[in-house]
């Protein structure tokens, strides 16, 4: 039986030539890392190509907790209003001392 190429809709890995059905598409890899997807609606890539999840998304809340979202570079970062220890903890890049809470912008 001929198997589906990458980017074709699928319901299981057995349908794909690559052996990977991720996010409903035959994918180029298992795409099982943090903040990765094979669906262009939630990633920065084409359907079927494992790519970083678009910044500020947290599909299904599975990759990041309720207090976080994907940063567009395969990592989870804290959202605004949550406790932080350093600017690199926050999706916005702002964690002012002494407050220690992620802010949308520099807080003076």
PDB file of N, CA and C in Angstrom:
ATOM      1  N   UNK A   1       0.835  -1.186   0.000  1.00  0.00           N
ATOM      2  CA  UNK A   1       0.000   0.000   0.000  1.00  0.00           C
ATOM      3  C   UNK A   1       0.879   1.249   0.000  1.00  0.00           C
ATOM      4  N   UNK A   2       0.557   2.192  -0.851  1.00  0.00           N
ATOM      5  CA  UNK A   2       1.295   3.442  -0.955  1.00  0.00           C
ATOM      6  C   UNK A   2       0.983   4.309   0.259  1.00  0.00           C
ATOM      7  N   UNK A   3       2.009   4.855   0.879  1.00  0.00           N
ATOM      8  CA  UNK A   3       1.822   5.695   2.064  1.00  0.00           C
ATOM      9  C   UNK A   3       1.883   7.165   1.689  1.00  0.00           C
ATOM     10  N   UNK A   4       1.237   7.980   2.506  1.00  0.00           N
ATOM     11  CA  UNK A   4       1.127   9.419   2.246  1.00  0.00           C
ATOM     12  C   UNK A   4       2.460  10.146   2.431  1.00  0.00           C
ATOM     13  N   UNK A   5       2.739  11.131   1.570  1.00  0.00           N
ATOM     14  CA  UNK A   5       3.967  11.929   1.718  1.00  0.00           C
ATOM     15  C   UNK A   5       3.815  12.972   2.836  1.00  0.00           C
ATOM     16  N   UNK A   6       4.934  13.578   3.187  1.00  0.00           N
ATOM     17  CA  UNK A   6       4.946  14.653   4.192  1.00  0.00           C
ATOM     18  C   UNK A   6       3.977  15.752   3.776  1.00  0.00           C
ATOM     19  N   UNK A   7       3.281  16.317   4.722  1.00  0.00           N
ATOM     20  CA  UNK A   7       2.310  17.420   4.616  1.00  0.00           C
ATOM     21  C   UNK A   7       0.902  16.949   4.270  1.00  0.00           C
ATOM     22  N   UNK A   8       0.720  15.649   4.063  1.00  0.00           N
ATOM     23  CA  UNK A   8      -0.599  15.104   3.772  1.00  0.00           C
ATOM     24  C   UNK A   8      -1.340  14.858   5.087  1.00  0.00           C
ATOM     25  N   UNK A   9      -2.651  15.086   5.107  1.00  0.00           N
ATOM     26  CA  UNK A   9      -3.453  14.825   6.303  1.00  0.00           C
ATOM     27  C   UNK A   9      -3.386  13.334   6.646  1.00  0.00           C
ATOM     28  N   UNK A  10      -3.374  13.043   7.952  1.00  0.00           N
ATOM     29  CA  UNK A  10      -3.289  11.648   8.387  1.00  0.00           C
ATOM     30  C   UNK A  10      -4.054  11.432   9.681  1.00  0.00           C
ATOM     31  N   UNK A  11      -4.322  10.174   9.946  1.00  0.00           N
ATOM     32  CA  UNK A  11      -4.987   9.798  11.183  1.00  0.00           C
ATOM     33  C   UNK A  11      -4.128   8.891  12.035  1.00  0.00           C
ATOM     34  N   UNK A  12      -2.974   8.474  11.509  1.00  0.00           N
ATOM     35  CA  UNK A  12      -2.061   7.616  12.248  1.00  0.00           C
ATOM     36  C   UNK A  12      -0.746   7.475  11.512  1.00  0.00           C
ATOM     37  N   UNK A  13       0.306   7.145  12.251  1.00  0.00           N
ATOM     38  CA  UNK A  13       1.653   7.031  11.689  1.00  0.00           C
ATOM     39  C   UNK A  13       1.730   5.987  10.583  1.00  0.00           C
ATOM     40  N   UNK A  14       0.883   4.952  10.665  1.00  0.00           N
ATOM     41  CA  UNK A  14       0.897   3.900   9.658  1.00  0.00           C
ATOM     42  C   UNK A  14       0.468   4.395   8.282  1.00  0.00           C
ATOM     43  N   UNK A  15      -0.112   5.580   8.204  1.00  0.00           N
ATOM     44  CA  UNK A  15      -0.549   6.159   6.934  1.00  0.00           C
ATOM     45  C   UNK A  15       0.554   6.957   6.236  1.00  0.00           C
ATOM     46  N   UNK A  16       1.642   7.231   6.945  1.00  0.00           N
ATOM     47  CA  UNK A  16       2.676   8.143   6.436  1.00  0.00           C
ATOM     48  C   UNK A  16       3.947   7.425   6.007  1.00  0.00           C
ATOM     49  N   UNK A  17       4.503   7.843   4.881  1.00  0.00           N
ATOM     50  CA  UNK A  17       5.772   7.294   4.396  1.00  0.00           C
ATOM     51  C   UNK A  17       6.891   7.569   5.397  1.00  0.00           C
ATOM     52  N   UNK A  18       6.824   8.709   6.095  1.00  0.00           N
ATOM     53  CA  UNK A  18       7.850   9.071   7.076  1.00  0.00           C
ATOM     54  C   UNK A  18       7.707   8.266   8.364  1.00  0.00           C
ATOM     55  N   UNK A  19       6.504   7.709   8.596  1.00  0.00           N
ATOM     56  CA  UNK A  19       6.240   6.986   9.834  1.00  0.00           C
ATOM     57  C   UNK A  19       5.813   7.890  10.970  1.00  0.00           C
ATOM     58  N   UNK A  20       5.586   9.181  10.680  1.00  0.00           N
ATOM     59  CA  UNK A  20       5.208  10.143  11.713  1.00  0.00           C
ATOM     60  C   UNK A  20       3.931  10.884  11.323  1.00  0.00           C
ATOM     61  N   UNK A  21       2.918  10.771  12.132  1.00  0.00           N
ATOM     62  CA  UNK A  21       1.683  11.543  11.970  1.00  0.00           C
ATOM     63  C   UNK A  21       1.580  12.436  13.196  1.00  0.00           C
ATOM     64  N   UNK A  22       1.793  13.730  13.014  1.00  0.00           N
ATOM     65  CA  UNK A  22       1.821  14.682  14.122  1.00  0.00           C
ATOM     66  C   UNK A  22       0.868  15.831  13.815  1.00  0.00           C
ATOM     67  N   UNK A  23       0.015  16.167  14.755  1.00  0.00           N
ATOM     68  CA  UNK A  23      -0.927  17.280  14.587  1.00  0.00           C
ATOM     69  C   UNK A  23      -1.825  17.088  13.360  1.00  0.00           C
ATOM     70  N   UNK A  24      -2.047  15.835  12.972  1.00  0.00           N
ATOM     71  CA  UNK A  24      -2.932  15.548  11.847  1.00  0.00           C
ATOM     72  C   UNK A  24      -2.279  15.599  10.481  1.00  0.00           C
ATOM     73  N   UNK A  25      -0.935  15.701  10.433  1.00  0.00           N
ATOM     74  CA  UNK A  25      -0.202  15.747   9.168  1.00  0.00           C
ATOM     75  C   UNK A  25       0.947  14.746   9.186  1.00  0.00           C
ATOM     76  N   UNK A  26       1.231  14.148   8.030  1.00  0.00           N
ATOM     77  CA  UNK A  26       2.439  13.340   7.909  1.00  0.00           C
ATOM     78  C   UNK A  26       3.603  14.307   8.076  1.00  0.00           C
ATOM     79  N   UNK A  27       4.448  14.018   9.071  1.00  0.00           N
ATOM     80  CA  UNK A  27       5.504  14.959   9.464  1.00  0.00           C
ATOM     81  C   UNK A  27       6.883  14.405   9.120  1.00  0.00           C
ATOM     82  N   UNK A  28       7.850  15.294   8.952  1.00  0.00           N
ATOM     83  CA  UNK A  28       9.208  14.893   8.609  1.00  0.00           C
ATOM     84  C   UNK A  28       9.950  14.219   9.758  1.00  0.00           C
ATOM     85  N   UNK A  29       9.544  14.501  11.000  1.00  0.00           N
ATOM     86  CA  UNK A  29      10.167  13.888  12.184  1.00  0.00           C
ATOM     87  C   UNK A  29       9.081  13.581  13.214  1.00  0.00           C
ATOM     88  N   UNK A  30       9.475  12.975  14.334  1.00  0.00           N
ATOM     89  CA  UNK A  30       8.531  12.691  15.416  1.00  0.00           C
ATOM     90  C   UNK A  30       8.004  13.976  16.048  1.00  0.00           C
ATOM     91  N   UNK A  31       8.769  15.043  15.968  1.00  0.00           N
ATOM     92  CA  UNK A  31       8.352  16.370  16.442  1.00  0.00           C
ATOM     93  C   UNK A  31       7.832  16.303  17.878  1.00  0.00           C
ATOM     94  N   UNK A  32       8.603  15.695  18.746  1.00  0.00           N
ATOM     95  CA  UNK A  32       8.154  15.461  20.115  1.00  0.00           C
ATOM     96  C   UNK A  32       8.810  16.373  21.145  1.00  0.00           C
ATOM     97  N   UNK A  33       9.541  17.370  20.689  1.00  0.00           N
ATOM     98  CA  UNK A  33      10.187  18.291  21.617  1.00  0.00           C
ATOM     99  C   UNK A  33       9.230  19.347  22.146  1.00  0.00           C
ATOM    100  N   UNK A  34       9.686  20.117  23.091  1.00  0.00           N
ATOM    101  CA  UNK A  34       8.890  21.201  23.668  1.00  0.00           C
ATOM    102  C   UNK A  34       8.599  22.257  22.615  1.00  0.00           C
ATOM    103  N   UNK A  35       7.355  22.691  22.561  1.00  0.00           N
ATOM    104  CA  UNK A  35       6.920  23.767  21.671  1.00  0.00           C
ATOM    105  C   UNK A  35       7.260  23.507  20.208  1.00  0.00           C
ATOM    106  N   UNK A  36       7.000  22.289  19.748  1.00  0.00           N
ATOM    107  CA  UNK A  36       7.171  21.925  18.354  1.00  0.00           C
ATOM    108  C   UNK A  36       5.837  21.467  17.783  1.00  0.00           C
ATOM    109  N   UNK A  37       5.608  21.727  16.500  1.00  0.00           N
ATOM    110  CA  UNK A  37       4.363  21.320  15.846  1.00  0.00           C
ATOM    111  C   UNK A  37       4.603  21.097  14.359  1.00  0.00           C
ATOM    112  N   UNK A  38       3.704  20.306  13.758  1.00  0.00           N
ATOM    113  CA  UNK A  38       3.754  20.057  12.308  1.00  0.00           C
ATOM    114  C   UNK A  38       2.552  20.677  11.613  1.00  0.00           C
ATOM    115  N   UNK A  39       1.837  21.533  12.295  1.00  0.00           N
ATOM    116  CA  UNK A  39       0.642  22.196  11.773  1.00  0.00           C
ATOM    117  C   UNK A  39       0.961  23.678  11.602  1.00  0.00           C
ATOM    118  N   UNK A  40       0.876  24.180  10.375  1.00  0.00           N
ATOM    119  CA  UNK A  40       1.226  25.580  10.106  1.00  0.00           C
ATOM    120  C   UNK A  40       0.310  26.569  10.823  1.00  0.00           C
ATOM    121  N   UNK A  41      -0.854  26.121  11.286  1.00  0.00           N
ATOM    122  CA  UNK A  41      -1.763  27.015  12.004  1.00  0.00           C
ATOM    123  C   UNK A  41      -1.214  27.400  13.377  1.00  0.00           C
ATOM    124  N   UNK A  42      -0.310  26.580  13.930  1.00  0.00           N
ATOM    125  CA  UNK A  42       0.243  26.880  15.251  1.00  0.00           C
ATOM    126  C   UNK A  42       1.763  26.959  15.263  1.00  0.00           C
ATOM    127  N   UNK A  43       2.397  26.767  14.105  1.00  0.00           N
ATOM    128  CA  UNK A  43       3.858  26.824  14.062  1.00  0.00           C
ATOM    129  C   UNK A  43       4.324  27.845  13.026  1.00  0.00           C
ATOM    130  N   UNK A  44       5.619  28.050  13.014  1.00  0.00           N
ATOM    131  CA  UNK A  44       6.205  28.986  12.062  1.00  0.00           C
ATOM    132  C   UNK A  44       6.642  28.301  10.772  1.00  0.00           C
ATOM    133  N   UNK A  45       6.254  27.033  10.587  1.00  0.00           N
ATOM    134  CA  UNK A  45       6.648  26.284   9.405  1.00  0.00           C
ATOM    135  C   UNK A  45       5.454  25.834   8.582  1.00  0.00           C
ATOM    136  N   UNK A  46       5.735  25.028   7.589  1.00  0.00           N
ATOM    137  CA  UNK A  46       4.702  24.494   6.704  1.00  0.00           C
ATOM    138  C   UNK A  46       4.104  23.227   7.318  1.00  0.00           C
ATOM    139  N   UNK A  47       2.903  22.879   6.907  1.00  0.00           N
ATOM    140  CA  UNK A  47       2.303  21.625   7.334  1.00  0.00           C
ATOM    141  C   UNK A  47       3.257  20.485   7.008  1.00  0.00           C
ATOM    142  N   UNK A  48       3.490  19.611   7.983  1.00  0.00           N
ATOM    143  CA  UNK A  48       4.348  18.456   7.772  1.00  0.00           C
ATOM    144  C   UNK A  48       5.813  18.672   8.072  1.00  0.00           C
ATOM    145  N   UNK A  49       6.193  19.881   8.430  1.00  0.00           N
ATOM    146  CA  UNK A  49       7.588  20.182   8.777  1.00  0.00           C
ATOM    147  C   UNK A  49       7.634  20.572  10.250  1.00  0.00           C
ATOM    148  N   UNK A  50       8.347  19.796  11.037  1.00  0.00           N
ATOM    149  CA  UNK A  50       8.436  20.075  12.474  1.00  0.00           C
ATOM    150  C   UNK A  50       9.110  21.432  12.678  1.00  0.00           C
ATOM    151  N   UNK A  51       8.376  22.355  13.299  1.00  0.00           N
ATOM    152  CA  UNK A  51       8.844  23.733  13.461  1.00  0.00           C
ATOM    153  C   UNK A  51       8.483  24.251  14.851  1.00  0.00           C
ATOM    154  N   UNK A  52       9.129  25.323  15.296  1.00  0.00           N
ATOM    155  CA  UNK A  52       8.781  25.911  16.590  1.00  0.00           C
ATOM    156  C   UNK A  52       7.342  26.432  16.585  1.00  0.00           C
ATOM    157  N   UNK A  53       6.649  26.234  17.696  1.00  0.00           N
ATOM    158  CA  UNK A  53       5.302  26.792  17.865  1.00  0.00           C
ATOM    159  C   UNK A  53       5.424  28.308  17.903  1.00  0.00           C
ATOM    160  N   UNK A  54       4.492  28.979  17.276  1.00  0.00           N
ATOM    161  CA  UNK A  54       4.484  30.432  17.195  1.00  0.00           C
ATOM    162  C   UNK A  54       4.513  31.063  18.596  1.00  0.00           C
ATOM    163  N   UNK A  55       5.279  32.131  18.729  1.00  0.00           N
ATOM    164  CA  UNK A  55       5.408  32.844  20.001  1.00  0.00           C
ATOM    165  C   UNK A  55       4.046  33.219  20.572  1.00  0.00           C
ATOM    166  N   UNK A  56       3.915  33.086  21.872  1.00  0.00           N
ATOM    167  CA  UNK A  56       2.727  33.389  22.668  1.00  0.00           C
ATOM    168  C   UNK A  56       1.622  32.339  22.554  1.00  0.00           C
ATOM    169  N   UNK A  57       1.871  31.221  21.854  1.00  0.00           N
ATOM    170  CA  UNK A  57       0.892  30.140  21.804  1.00  0.00           C
ATOM    171  C   UNK A  57       1.294  29.023  22.759  1.00  0.00           C
ATOM    172  N   UNK A  58       0.312  28.276  23.218  1.00  0.00           N
ATOM    173  CA  UNK A  58       0.523  27.112  24.070  1.00  0.00           C
ATOM    174  C   UNK A  58      -0.564  26.113  23.698  1.00  0.00           C
ATOM    175  N   UNK A  59      -0.383  25.447  22.548  1.00  0.00           N
ATOM    176  CA  UNK A  59      -1.443  24.577  22.035  1.00  0.00           C
ATOM    177  C   UNK A  59      -1.896  23.527  23.034  1.00  0.00           C
ATOM    178  N   UNK A  60      -3.151  23.583  23.379  1.00  0.00           N
ATOM    179  CA  UNK A  60      -3.721  22.610  24.290  1.00  0.00           C
ATOM    180  C   UNK A  60      -3.159  22.653  25.696  1.00  0.00           C
ATOM    181  N   UNK A  61      -2.282  23.604  25.986  1.00  0.00           N
ATOM    182  CA  UNK A  61      -1.690  23.704  27.311  1.00  0.00           C
ATOM    183  C   UNK A  61      -0.783  22.528  27.647  1.00  0.00           C
ATOM    184  N   UNK A  62      -0.414  21.744  26.650  1.00  0.00           N
ATOM    185  CA  UNK A  62       0.376  20.545  26.899  1.00  0.00           C
ATOM    186  C   UNK A  62       1.858  20.821  27.027  1.00  0.00           C
ATOM    187  N   UNK A  63       2.382  21.731  26.240  1.00  0.00           N
ATOM    188  CA  UNK A  63       3.821  21.980  26.269  1.00  0.00           C
ATOM    189  C   UNK A  63       4.232  22.830  27.466  1.00  0.00           C
ATOM    190  N   UNK A  64       3.485  23.872  27.723  1.00  0.00           N
ATOM    191  CA  UNK A  64       3.790  24.793  28.811  1.00  0.00           C
ATOM    192  C   UNK A  64       2.625  24.781  29.806  1.00  0.00           C
ATOM    193  N   UNK A  65       2.893  25.126  31.026  1.00  0.00           N
ATOM    194  CA  UNK A  65       1.824  25.201  32.023  1.00  0.00           C
ATOM    195  C   UNK A  65       0.917  26.391  31.766  1.00  0.00           C
ATOM    196  N   UNK A  66      -0.090  26.540  32.606  1.00  0.00           N
ATOM    197  CA  UNK A  66      -1.060  27.622  32.467  1.00  0.00           C
ATOM    198  C   UNK A  66      -0.423  29.000  32.635  1.00  0.00           C
ATOM    199  N   UNK A  67       0.749  29.051  33.262  1.00  0.00           N
ATOM    200  CA  UNK A  67       1.426  30.328  33.503  1.00  0.00           C
ATOM    201  C   UNK A  67       2.436  30.685  32.419  1.00  0.00           C
ATOM    202  N   UNK A  68       2.505  29.869  31.346  1.00  0.00           N
ATOM    203  CA  UNK A  68       3.547  30.038  30.337  1.00  0.00           C
ATOM    204  C   UNK A  68       3.010  29.881  28.923  1.00  0.00           C
ATOM    205  N   UNK A  69       3.862  30.230  27.956  1.00  0.00           N
ATOM    206  CA  UNK A  69       3.560  30.034  26.540  1.00  0.00           C
ATOM    207  C   UNK A  69       4.879  29.788  25.811  1.00  0.00           C
ATOM    208  N   UNK A  70       4.784  29.316  24.584  1.00  0.00           N
ATOM    209  CA  UNK A  70       5.979  29.060  23.777  1.00  0.00           C
ATOM    210  C   UNK A  70       6.617  30.385  23.355  1.00  0.00           C
ATOM    211  N   UNK A  71       7.940  30.365  23.245  1.00  0.00           N
ATOM    212  CA  UNK A  71       8.669  31.595  22.907  1.00  0.00           C
ATOM    213  C   UNK A  71       9.042  31.702  21.430  1.00  0.00           C
ATOM    214  N   UNK A  72       8.619  30.750  20.598  1.00  0.00           N
ATOM    215  CA  UNK A  72       8.963  30.776  19.182  1.00  0.00           C
ATOM    216  C   UNK A  72      10.321  30.162  18.895  1.00  0.00           C
ATOM    217  N   UNK A  73      11.004  29.686  19.949  1.00  0.00           N
ATOM    218  CA  UNK A  73      12.328  29.080  19.797  1.00  0.00           C
ATOM    219  C   UNK A  73      12.412  27.760  20.576  1.00  0.00           C
ATOM    220  N   UNK A  74      11.270  27.051  20.637  1.00  0.00           N
ATOM    221  CA  UNK A  74      11.179  25.723  21.271  1.00  0.00           C
ATOM    222  C   UNK A  74      11.385  25.728  22.781  1.00  0.00           C
ATOM    223  N   UNK A  75      10.948  26.779  23.454  1.00  0.00           N
ATOM    224  CA  UNK A  75      11.032  26.831  24.913  1.00  0.00           C
ATOM    225  C   UNK A  75       9.782  27.482  25.485  1.00  0.00           C
ATOM    226  N   UNK A  76       9.494  27.186  26.745  1.00  0.00           N
ATOM    227  CA  UNK A  76       8.377  27.817  27.453  1.00  0.00           C
ATOM    228  C   UNK A  76       8.909  28.976  28.278  1.00  0.00           C
ATOM    229  N   UNK A  77       8.182  30.062  28.277  1.00  0.00           N
ATOM    230  CA  UNK A  77       8.541  31.239  29.085  1.00  0.00           C
ATOM    231  C   UNK A  77       7.295  31.706  29.828  1.00  0.00           C
ATOM    232  N   UNK A  78       7.496  32.328  30.973  1.00  0.00           N
ATOM    233  CA  UNK A  78       6.393  32.808  31.803  1.00  0.00           C
ATOM    234  C   UNK A  78       5.645  33.973  31.153  1.00  0.00           C
ATOM    235  N   UNK A  79       4.353  34.006  31.374  1.00  0.00           N
ATOM    236  CA  UNK A  79       3.514  35.105  30.888  1.00  0.00           C
ATOM    237  C   UNK A  79       3.547  36.261  31.881  1.00  0.00           C
ATOM    238  N   UNK A  80       3.043  37.405  31.464  1.00  0.00           N
ATOM    239  CA  UNK A  80       2.992  38.590  32.316  1.00  0.00           C
ATOM    240  C   UNK A  80       2.145  38.322  33.556  1.00  0.00           C
ATOM    241  N   UNK A  81       2.611  38.826  34.693  1.00  0.00           N
ATOM    242  CA  UNK A  81       1.884  38.684  35.947  1.00  0.00           C
ATOM    243  C   UNK A  81       2.325  37.514  36.807  1.00  0.00           C
ATOM    244  N   UNK A  82       3.260  36.717  36.313  1.00  0.00           N
ATOM    245  CA  UNK A  82       3.737  35.561  37.078  1.00  0.00           C
ATOM    246  C   UNK A  82       5.124  35.827  37.648  1.00  0.00           C
ATOM    247  N   UNK A  83       5.395  35.233  38.812  1.00  0.00           N
ATOM    248  CA  UNK A  83       6.669  35.422  39.506  1.00  0.00           C
ATOM    249  C   UNK A  83       7.837  34.930  38.669  1.00  0.00           C
ATOM    250  N   UNK A  84       8.912  35.713  38.695  1.00  0.00           N
ATOM    251  CA  UNK A  84      10.102  35.386  37.915  1.00  0.00           C
ATOM    252  C   UNK A  84      11.356  35.693  38.717  1.00  0.00           C
ATOM    253  N   UNK A  85      12.454  35.115  38.286  1.00  0.00           N
ATOM    254  CA  UNK A  85      13.725  35.369  38.942  1.00  0.00           C
ATOM    255  C   UNK A  85      14.689  36.167  38.084  1.00  0.00           C
ATOM    256  N   UNK A  86      14.441  36.158  36.765  1.00  0.00           N
ATOM    257  CA  UNK A  86      15.327  36.862  35.832  1.00  0.00           C
ATOM    258  C   UNK A  86      14.543  37.208  34.573  1.00  0.00           C
ATOM    259  N   UNK A  87      14.982  38.228  33.826  1.00  0.00           N
ATOM    260  CA  UNK A  87      14.291  38.597  32.583  1.00  0.00           C
ATOM    261  C   UNK A  87      14.160  37.438  31.599  1.00  0.00           C
ATOM    262  N   UNK A  88      15.138  36.536  31.595  1.00  0.00           N
ATOM    263  CA  UNK A  88      15.096  35.400  30.666  1.00  0.00           C
ATOM    264  C   UNK A  88      14.000  34.401  31.014  1.00  0.00           C
ATOM    265  N   UNK A  89      13.407  34.500  32.196  1.00  0.00           N
ATOM    266  CA  UNK A  89      12.293  33.628  32.592  1.00  0.00           C
ATOM    267  C   UNK A  89      10.994  34.028  31.893  1.00  0.00           C
ATOM    268  N   UNK A  90      10.903  35.301  31.479  1.00  0.00           N
ATOM    269  CA  UNK A  90       9.658  35.879  30.986  1.00  0.00           C
ATOM    270  C   UNK A  90       9.602  35.933  29.460  1.00  0.00           C
ATOM    271  N   UNK A  91       8.428  35.671  28.926  1.00  0.00           N
ATOM    272  CA  UNK A  91       8.224  35.764  27.486  1.00  0.00           C
ATOM    273  C   UNK A  91       8.455  37.191  27.004  1.00  0.00           C
ATOM    274  N   UNK A  92       8.091  38.161  27.829  1.00  0.00           N
ATOM    275  CA  UNK A  92       8.276  39.571  27.474  1.00  0.00           C
ATOM    276  C   UNK A  92       9.730  40.020  27.598  1.00  0.00           C
ATOM    277  N   UNK A  93      10.515  39.291  28.403  1.00  0.00           N
ATOM    278  CA  UNK A  93      11.906  39.683  28.647  1.00  0.00           C
ATOM    279  C   UNK A  93      12.056  40.692  29.763  1.00  0.00           C
ATOM    280  N   UNK A  94      10.973  40.966  30.497  1.00  0.00           N
ATOM    281  CA  UNK A  94      11.024  41.951  31.582  1.00  0.00           C
ATOM    282  C   UNK A  94      10.627  41.318  32.912  1.00  0.00           C
ATOM    283  N   UNK A  95      11.570  41.305  33.858  1.00  0.00           N
ATOM    284  CA  UNK A  95      11.352  40.811  35.219  1.00  0.00           C
ATOM    285  C   UNK A  95      12.047  41.789  36.160  1.00  0.00           C
ATOM    286  N   UNK A  96      11.374  42.889  36.470  1.00  0.00           N
ATOM    287  CA  UNK A  96      12.033  43.929  37.257  1.00  0.00           C
ATOM    288  C   UNK A  96      12.227  43.557  38.727  1.00  0.00           C
ATOM    289  N   UNK A  97      13.380  43.943  39.253  1.00  0.00           N
ATOM    290  CA  UNK A  97      13.639  43.804  40.685  1.00  0.00           C
ATOM    291  C   UNK A  97      13.096  45.055  41.354  1.00  0.00           C
ATOM    292  N   UNK A  98      12.629  45.057  42.516  1.00  0.00           N
ATOM    293  CA  UNK A  98      12.564  43.918  43.440  1.00  0.00           C
ATOM    294  C   UNK A  98      11.243  43.135  43.308  1.00  0.00           C
ATOM    295  N   UNK A  99      10.345  43.547  42.400  1.00  0.00           N
ATOM    296  CA  UNK A  99       9.026  42.932  42.289  1.00  0.00           C
ATOM    297  C   UNK A  99       9.101  41.447  41.940  1.00  0.00           C
ATOM    298  N   UNK A 100       9.893  41.094  40.943  1.00  0.00           N
ATOM    299  CA  UNK A 100      10.018  39.703  40.533  1.00  0.00           C
ATOM    300  C   UNK A 100       8.751  39.158  39.883  1.00  0.00           C
ATOM    301  N   UNK A 101       8.104  39.998  39.062  1.00  0.00           N
ATOM    302  CA  UNK A 101       6.903  39.591  38.339  1.00  0.00           C
ATOM    303  C   UNK A 101       7.082  39.990  36.877  1.00  0.00           C
ATOM    304  N   UNK A 102       6.793  39.077  35.952  1.00  0.00           N
ATOM    305  CA  UNK A 102       6.937  39.368  34.531  1.00  0.00           C
ATOM    306  C   UNK A 102       6.025  40.532  34.141  1.00  0.00           C
ATOM    307  N   UNK A 103       6.609  41.533  33.474  1.00  0.00           N
ATOM    308  CA  UNK A 103       5.878  42.712  33.016  1.00  0.00           C
ATOM    309  C   UNK A 103       5.870  42.751  31.489  1.00  0.00           C
ATOM    310  N   UNK A 104       4.918  43.485  30.939  1.00  0.00           N
ATOM    311  CA  UNK A 104       4.802  43.642  29.487  1.00  0.00           C
ATOM    312  C   UNK A 104       5.919  44.515  28.927  1.00  0.00           C
ATOM    313  N   UNK A 105       6.424  45.423  29.762  1.00  0.00           N
ATOM    314  CA  UNK A 105       7.475  46.347  29.336  1.00  0.00           C
ATOM    315  C   UNK A 105       8.303  46.715  30.545  1.00  0.00           C
ATOM    316  N   UNK A 106       9.377  47.443  30.304  1.00  0.00           N
ATOM    317  CA  UNK A 106      10.237  47.853  31.423  1.00  0.00           C
ATOM    318  C   UNK A 106       9.418  48.649  32.433  1.00  0.00           C
ATOM    319  N   UNK A 107       9.527  48.236  33.686  1.00  0.00           N
ATOM    320  CA  UNK A 107       8.790  48.919  34.762  1.00  0.00           C
ATOM    321  C   UNK A 107       9.792  49.694  35.599  1.00  0.00           C
ATOM    322  N   UNK A 108       9.553  50.979  35.784  1.00  0.00           N
ATOM    323  CA  UNK A 108      10.476  51.794  36.569  1.00  0.00           C
ATOM    324  C   UNK A 108       9.876  52.154  37.900  1.00  0.00           C
TER     325      UNK A 108
END
